[in-house]
Amino acid sequence: MSPKKMKGMLKNMGINIEELDNVIEVVVRLPDREIVISNASVAIMDAHGQRSYQISGDESERPLSAGAAPAAEPVLEIPDSDVELVSAQTGASPDQARAALLEAGGDLAAAIMKLSAK
C-alpha cells in the first residue's frame, strides 16, 4: 500500500500523521543521564487529540549537561476539600487527614482506609 493511501485511510479514522522537518537532535533527560538521538526523524501522530511522537535516529548517552539540573520532586498539593472529606469520614483531625493524604499520594480511599484502621 502506498504511503499516500495509508495516510488517507488513517485520516478517515481520525488519525493525523505529521513529519517534523529539520530536526537536529532529540534529548531525553533522565535523572542521571541524557539519551541523545541525532540525525533524528520525528513523526507526530494525533489520534483524537492524543499526540504521540515517534523518534528514530542515531542514539547515544551522555551525563547530564551542566545546565540541566535534575528535576525536583513535584510537590503534592492536597485540596482542602479532600482534607475535609477524609476528616469527616474518619473523625480524624484535619492535620491527621492531610498527613494521611500526603502519605497516600493524594488517594482519598487509601487515606480513609489508613485512618479507619486505627
N, C-alpha and C. Protein backbone atom coordinates (compact mmCIF):
# COMPACT_ATOMS: atom_id res chain seq x y z
N MET A 1 0.85 -1.17 0.00
CA MET A 1 0.00 0.00 0.00
C MET A 1 0.90 1.24 0.00
N SER A 2 0.53 2.22 -0.77
CA SER A 2 1.34 3.43 -0.88
C SER A 2 1.21 4.28 0.40
N PRO A 3 2.26 5.02 0.74
CA PRO A 3 2.19 5.87 1.93
C PRO A 3 1.06 6.90 1.85
N LYS A 4 0.80 7.39 0.64
CA LYS A 4 -0.27 8.39 0.46
C LYS A 4 -1.63 7.76 0.77
N LYS A 5 -1.86 6.54 0.29
CA LYS A 5 -3.12 5.85 0.53
C LYS A 5 -3.27 5.51 2.02
N MET A 6 -2.17 5.09 2.64
CA MET A 6 -2.18 4.77 4.07
C MET A 6 -2.52 6.01 4.89
N LYS A 7 -1.93 7.15 4.53
CA LYS A 7 -2.19 8.40 5.24
C LYS A 7 -3.67 8.79 5.11
N GLY A 8 -4.25 8.58 3.91
CA GLY A 8 -5.66 8.87 3.69
C GLY A 8 -6.56 7.99 4.54
N MET A 9 -6.22 6.70 4.64
CA MET A 9 -7.01 5.78 5.46
C MET A 9 -6.96 6.18 6.94
N LEU A 10 -5.78 6.53 7.40
CA LEU A 10 -5.63 6.94 8.80
C LEU A 10 -6.42 8.22 9.07
N LYS A 11 -6.37 9.15 8.12
CA LYS A 11 -7.11 10.41 8.28
C LYS A 11 -8.61 10.14 8.39
N ASN A 12 -9.12 9.17 7.60
CA ASN A 12 -10.54 8.80 7.69
C ASN A 12 -10.90 8.26 9.06
N MET A 13 -9.93 7.65 9.76
CA MET A 13 -10.17 7.11 11.10
C MET A 13 -9.91 8.16 12.18
N GLY A 14 -9.61 9.39 11.79
CA GLY A 14 -9.37 10.46 12.75
C GLY A 14 -7.95 10.51 13.25
N ILE A 15 -7.03 9.90 12.51
CA ILE A 15 -5.62 9.88 12.90
C ILE A 15 -4.83 10.69 11.89
N ASN A 16 -4.10 11.68 12.38
CA ASN A 16 -3.29 12.56 11.54
C ASN A 16 -1.82 12.30 11.83
N ILE A 17 -1.00 12.17 10.80
CA ILE A 17 0.44 11.99 10.99
C ILE A 17 1.16 13.12 10.29
N GLU A 18 2.09 13.74 11.02
CA GLU A 18 2.85 14.87 10.50
C GLU A 18 4.33 14.64 10.79
N GLU A 19 5.17 14.90 9.80
CA GLU A 19 6.63 14.79 9.98
C GLU A 19 7.18 16.16 10.36
N LEU A 20 8.07 16.19 11.34
CA LEU A 20 8.76 17.43 11.68
C LEU A 20 9.98 17.55 10.79
N ASP A 21 10.16 18.71 10.20
CA ASP A 21 11.30 18.94 9.32
C ASP A 21 12.46 19.55 10.09
N ASN A 22 13.67 19.32 9.60
CA ASN A 22 14.88 19.96 10.09
C ASN A 22 15.18 19.70 11.56
N VAL A 23 14.85 18.50 12.07
CA VAL A 23 15.17 18.15 13.45
C VAL A 23 16.65 17.81 13.51
N ILE A 24 17.37 18.43 14.40
CA ILE A 24 18.81 18.19 14.53
C ILE A 24 19.07 17.06 15.52
N GLU A 25 18.47 17.17 16.71
CA GLU A 25 18.61 16.11 17.69
C GLU A 25 17.44 16.16 18.66
N VAL A 26 17.21 15.04 19.33
CA VAL A 26 16.19 14.93 20.36
C VAL A 26 16.90 14.48 21.62
N VAL A 27 16.62 15.15 22.74
CA VAL A 27 17.26 14.80 24.01
C VAL A 27 16.18 14.33 24.98
N VAL A 28 16.39 13.14 25.55
CA VAL A 28 15.51 12.62 26.59
C VAL A 28 16.30 12.73 27.89
N ARG A 29 15.83 13.57 28.80
CA ARG A 29 16.57 13.84 30.03
C ARG A 29 16.02 12.97 31.15
N LEU A 30 16.90 12.16 31.73
CA LEU A 30 16.58 11.29 32.85
C LEU A 30 17.24 11.87 34.10
N PRO A 31 16.92 11.38 35.28
CA PRO A 31 17.52 11.95 36.49
C PRO A 31 19.05 11.90 36.51
N ASP A 32 19.64 10.88 35.89
CA ASP A 32 21.09 10.72 35.99
C ASP A 32 21.84 10.81 34.66
N ARG A 33 21.13 10.90 33.54
CA ARG A 33 21.80 10.94 32.24
C ARG A 33 20.84 11.46 31.17
N GLU A 34 21.39 11.67 29.98
CA GLU A 34 20.58 12.08 28.84
C GLU A 34 20.76 11.07 27.71
N ILE A 35 19.68 10.78 27.03
CA ILE A 35 19.74 9.96 25.81
C ILE A 35 19.59 10.95 24.66
N VAL A 36 20.56 10.95 23.77
CA VAL A 36 20.58 11.89 22.65
C VAL A 36 20.36 11.11 21.36
N ILE A 37 19.39 11.55 20.59
CA ILE A 37 19.12 10.93 19.30
C ILE A 37 19.45 11.97 18.24
N SER A 38 20.57 11.74 17.54
CA SER A 38 21.00 12.68 16.50
C SER A 38 20.53 12.15 15.14
N ASN A 39 20.59 13.02 14.14
CA ASN A 39 20.05 12.70 12.81
C ASN A 39 18.62 12.19 12.96
N ALA A 40 17.86 12.87 13.79
CA ALA A 40 16.54 12.39 14.19
C ALA A 40 15.48 12.63 13.13
N SER A 41 14.60 11.65 13.05
CA SER A 41 13.39 11.76 12.24
C SER A 41 12.23 11.67 13.23
N VAL A 42 11.36 12.68 13.23
CA VAL A 42 10.28 12.74 14.20
C VAL A 42 8.94 12.82 13.48
N ALA A 43 8.06 11.91 13.84
CA ALA A 43 6.68 11.92 13.31
C ALA A 43 5.73 12.13 14.48
N ILE A 44 4.75 12.99 14.29
CA ILE A 44 3.75 13.25 15.31
C ILE A 44 2.44 12.64 14.83
N MET A 45 1.86 11.76 15.66
CA MET A 45 0.58 11.15 15.34
C MET A 45 -0.46 11.73 16.30
N ASP A 46 -1.49 12.32 15.73
CA ASP A 46 -2.57 12.91 16.51
C ASP A 46 -3.81 12.05 16.29
N ALA A 47 -4.22 11.33 17.34
CA ALA A 47 -5.40 10.48 17.27
C ALA A 47 -6.42 11.00 18.26
N HIS A 48 -7.40 11.73 17.75
CA HIS A 48 -8.49 12.26 18.56
C HIS A 48 -7.97 13.12 19.72
N GLY A 49 -6.98 13.98 19.44
CA GLY A 49 -6.45 14.90 20.43
C GLY A 49 -5.31 14.35 21.25
N GLN A 50 -5.03 13.08 21.17
CA GLN A 50 -3.91 12.47 21.89
C GLN A 50 -2.71 12.44 20.95
N ARG A 51 -1.64 13.18 21.30
CA ARG A 51 -0.47 13.26 20.43
C ARG A 51 0.60 12.28 20.89
N SER A 52 1.14 11.53 19.94
CA SER A 52 2.25 10.60 20.18
C SER A 52 3.39 10.97 19.25
N TYR A 53 4.60 10.80 19.75
CA TYR A 53 5.78 11.12 18.96
C TYR A 53 6.55 9.84 18.67
N GLN A 54 6.92 9.66 17.42
CA GLN A 54 7.77 8.54 17.03
C GLN A 54 9.10 9.13 16.59
N ILE A 55 10.17 8.67 17.26
CA ILE A 55 11.50 9.22 17.03
C ILE A 55 12.42 8.10 16.60
N SER A 56 13.19 8.35 15.54
CA SER A 56 14.21 7.38 15.14
C SER A 56 15.46 8.16 14.77
N GLY A 57 16.61 7.50 14.92
CA GLY A 57 17.88 8.15 14.61
C GLY A 57 19.01 7.42 15.29
N ASP A 58 20.15 8.10 15.38
CA ASP A 58 21.35 7.53 15.98
C ASP A 58 21.38 7.86 17.47
N GLU A 59 21.36 6.82 18.32
CA GLU A 59 21.26 7.01 19.77
C GLU A 59 22.63 7.01 20.43
N SER A 60 22.78 7.90 21.42
CA SER A 60 23.97 7.89 22.28
C SER A 60 23.53 8.38 23.66
N GLU A 61 24.36 8.12 24.67
CA GLU A 61 24.06 8.57 26.03
C GLU A 61 25.18 9.47 26.50
N ARG A 62 24.83 10.38 27.40
CA ARG A 62 25.83 11.25 28.00
C ARG A 62 25.36 11.62 29.40
N PRO A 63 26.32 12.05 30.26
CA PRO A 63 25.90 12.51 31.59
C PRO A 63 25.06 13.77 31.44
N LEU A 64 24.37 14.13 32.49
CA LEU A 64 23.56 15.35 32.45
C LEU A 64 24.40 16.55 32.05
N SER A 65 23.83 17.42 31.23
CA SER A 65 24.51 18.66 30.85
C SER A 65 24.70 19.52 32.09
N ALA A 66 25.70 20.37 32.07
CA ALA A 66 25.99 21.22 33.23
C ALA A 66 24.80 22.09 33.61
N GLY A 67 24.08 22.60 32.63
CA GLY A 67 22.94 23.47 32.92
C GLY A 67 21.66 22.74 33.23
N ALA A 68 21.66 21.42 33.11
CA ALA A 68 20.44 20.66 33.31
C ALA A 68 20.45 20.00 34.68
N ALA A 69 19.88 20.67 35.65
CA ALA A 69 19.79 20.10 36.99
C ALA A 69 18.69 19.05 37.00
N PRO A 70 18.86 18.01 37.82
CA PRO A 70 17.80 17.01 37.92
C PRO A 70 16.50 17.68 38.37
N ALA A 71 15.40 17.22 37.84
CA ALA A 71 14.11 17.79 38.19
C ALA A 71 13.78 17.49 39.64
N ALA A 72 13.27 18.50 40.33
CA ALA A 72 12.87 18.31 41.72
C ALA A 72 11.57 17.50 41.77
N GLU A 73 11.39 16.80 42.86
CA GLU A 73 10.16 16.06 43.04
C GLU A 73 9.00 17.05 43.04
N PRO A 74 7.93 16.77 42.29
CA PRO A 74 6.79 17.68 42.33
C PRO A 74 6.14 17.66 43.71
N VAL A 75 5.73 18.82 44.17
CA VAL A 75 5.10 18.93 45.47
C VAL A 75 3.63 18.57 45.32
N LEU A 76 3.19 17.63 46.13
CA LEU A 76 1.80 17.19 46.07
C LEU A 76 0.94 18.19 46.82
N GLU A 77 -0.03 18.77 46.13
CA GLU A 77 -0.94 19.71 46.77
C GLU A 77 -2.24 19.01 47.07
N ILE A 78 -2.63 19.04 48.33
CA ILE A 78 -3.86 18.38 48.77
C ILE A 78 -4.93 19.46 48.93
N PRO A 79 -6.01 19.38 48.16
CA PRO A 79 -7.09 20.37 48.29
C PRO A 79 -7.75 20.29 49.67
N ASP A 80 -8.15 21.44 50.19
CA ASP A 80 -8.83 21.47 51.49
C ASP A 80 -10.10 20.62 51.48
N SER A 81 -10.77 20.56 50.33
CA SER A 81 -11.99 19.76 50.26
C SER A 81 -11.69 18.27 50.49
N ASP A 82 -10.53 17.80 50.02
CA ASP A 82 -10.13 16.41 50.26
C ASP A 82 -9.84 16.18 51.74
N VAL A 83 -9.17 17.15 52.36
CA VAL A 83 -8.86 17.04 53.79
C VAL A 83 -10.16 16.97 54.59
N GLU A 84 -11.13 17.86 54.26
CA GLU A 84 -12.41 17.88 54.96
C GLU A 84 -13.16 16.56 54.79
N LEU A 85 -13.13 16.01 53.58
CA LEU A 85 -13.82 14.75 53.32
C LEU A 85 -13.22 13.62 54.14
N VAL A 86 -11.90 13.49 54.13
CA VAL A 86 -11.25 12.42 54.88
C VAL A 86 -11.48 12.60 56.37
N SER A 87 -11.41 13.83 56.83
CA SER A 87 -11.64 14.13 58.25
C SER A 87 -13.07 13.76 58.65
N ALA A 88 -14.04 14.12 57.81
CA ALA A 88 -15.45 13.82 58.11
C ALA A 88 -15.72 12.32 58.08
N GLN A 89 -15.10 11.61 57.17
CA GLN A 89 -15.34 10.17 57.04
C GLN A 89 -14.70 9.36 58.16
N THR A 90 -13.60 9.88 58.72
CA THR A 90 -12.84 9.08 59.69
C THR A 90 -12.88 9.64 61.10
N GLY A 91 -13.32 10.89 61.27
CA GLY A 91 -13.31 11.52 62.58
C GLY A 91 -11.91 12.00 62.98
N ALA A 92 -10.97 11.94 62.07
CA ALA A 92 -9.60 12.39 62.35
C ALA A 92 -9.52 13.90 62.26
N SER A 93 -8.50 14.47 62.89
CA SER A 93 -8.30 15.91 62.80
C SER A 93 -7.87 16.26 61.38
N PRO A 94 -8.05 17.54 60.99
CA PRO A 94 -7.60 17.95 59.66
C PRO A 94 -6.11 17.70 59.43
N ASP A 95 -5.29 17.89 60.47
CA ASP A 95 -3.85 17.64 60.32
C ASP A 95 -3.57 16.17 60.07
N GLN A 96 -4.28 15.29 60.79
CA GLN A 96 -4.11 13.85 60.58
C GLN A 96 -4.59 13.45 59.19
N ALA A 97 -5.71 14.04 58.75
CA ALA A 97 -6.26 13.74 57.43
C ALA A 97 -5.29 14.18 56.34
N ARG A 98 -4.70 15.37 56.48
CA ARG A 98 -3.75 15.87 55.49
C ARG A 98 -2.51 14.97 55.44
N ALA A 99 -2.02 14.57 56.62
CA ALA A 99 -0.84 13.69 56.68
C ALA A 99 -1.14 12.36 56.00
N ALA A 100 -2.33 11.79 56.24
CA ALA A 100 -2.70 10.52 55.62
C ALA A 100 -2.82 10.67 54.11
N LEU A 101 -3.35 11.79 53.65
CA LEU A 101 -3.47 12.03 52.21
C LEU A 101 -2.09 12.18 51.57
N LEU A 102 -1.19 12.87 52.23
CA LEU A 102 0.17 13.01 51.69
C LEU A 102 0.85 11.65 51.61
N GLU A 103 0.69 10.85 52.67
CA GLU A 103 1.30 9.52 52.70
C GLU A 103 0.71 8.62 51.62
N ALA A 104 -0.58 8.82 51.31
CA ALA A 104 -1.27 8.00 50.31
C ALA A 104 -1.14 8.59 48.91
N GLY A 105 -0.35 9.64 48.75
CA GLY A 105 -0.16 10.23 47.43
C GLY A 105 -1.40 10.92 46.90
N GLY A 106 -2.25 11.39 47.81
CA GLY A 106 -3.48 12.08 47.41
C GLY A 106 -4.66 11.15 47.18
N ASP A 107 -4.49 9.86 47.37
CA ASP A 107 -5.56 8.88 47.15
C ASP A 107 -6.53 8.92 48.33
N LEU A 108 -7.75 9.41 48.07
CA LEU A 108 -8.74 9.56 49.12
C LEU A 108 -9.08 8.24 49.80
N ALA A 109 -9.36 7.22 49.00
CA ALA A 109 -9.77 5.93 49.57
C ALA A 109 -8.66 5.34 50.43
N ALA A 110 -7.42 5.42 49.98
CA ALA A 110 -6.30 4.87 50.75
C ALA A 110 -6.13 5.63 52.06
N ALA A 111 -6.28 6.94 52.03
CA ALA A 111 -6.15 7.75 53.26
C ALA A 111 -7.26 7.40 54.24
N ILE A 112 -8.48 7.24 53.75
CA ILE A 112 -9.61 6.89 54.63
C ILE A 112 -9.39 5.50 55.23
N MET A 113 -8.95 4.55 54.41
CA MET A 113 -8.69 3.19 54.90
C MET A 113 -7.59 3.22 55.97
N LYS A 114 -6.55 4.00 55.73
CA LYS A 114 -5.44 4.07 56.69
C LYS A 114 -5.92 4.61 58.03
N LEU A 115 -6.69 5.68 57.99
CA LEU A 115 -7.16 6.29 59.25
C LEU A 115 -8.25 5.46 59.91
N SER A 116 -9.04 4.75 59.14
CA SER A 116 -10.11 3.92 59.69
C SER A 116 -9.54 2.69 60.38
N ALA A 117 -8.36 2.26 59.97
CA ALA A 117 -7.75 1.06 60.54
C ALA A 117 -7.19 1.33 61.94
N LYS A 118 -7.07 2.60 62.32
CA LYS A 118 -6.51 2.94 63.64
C LYS A 118 -7.54 2.79 64.73
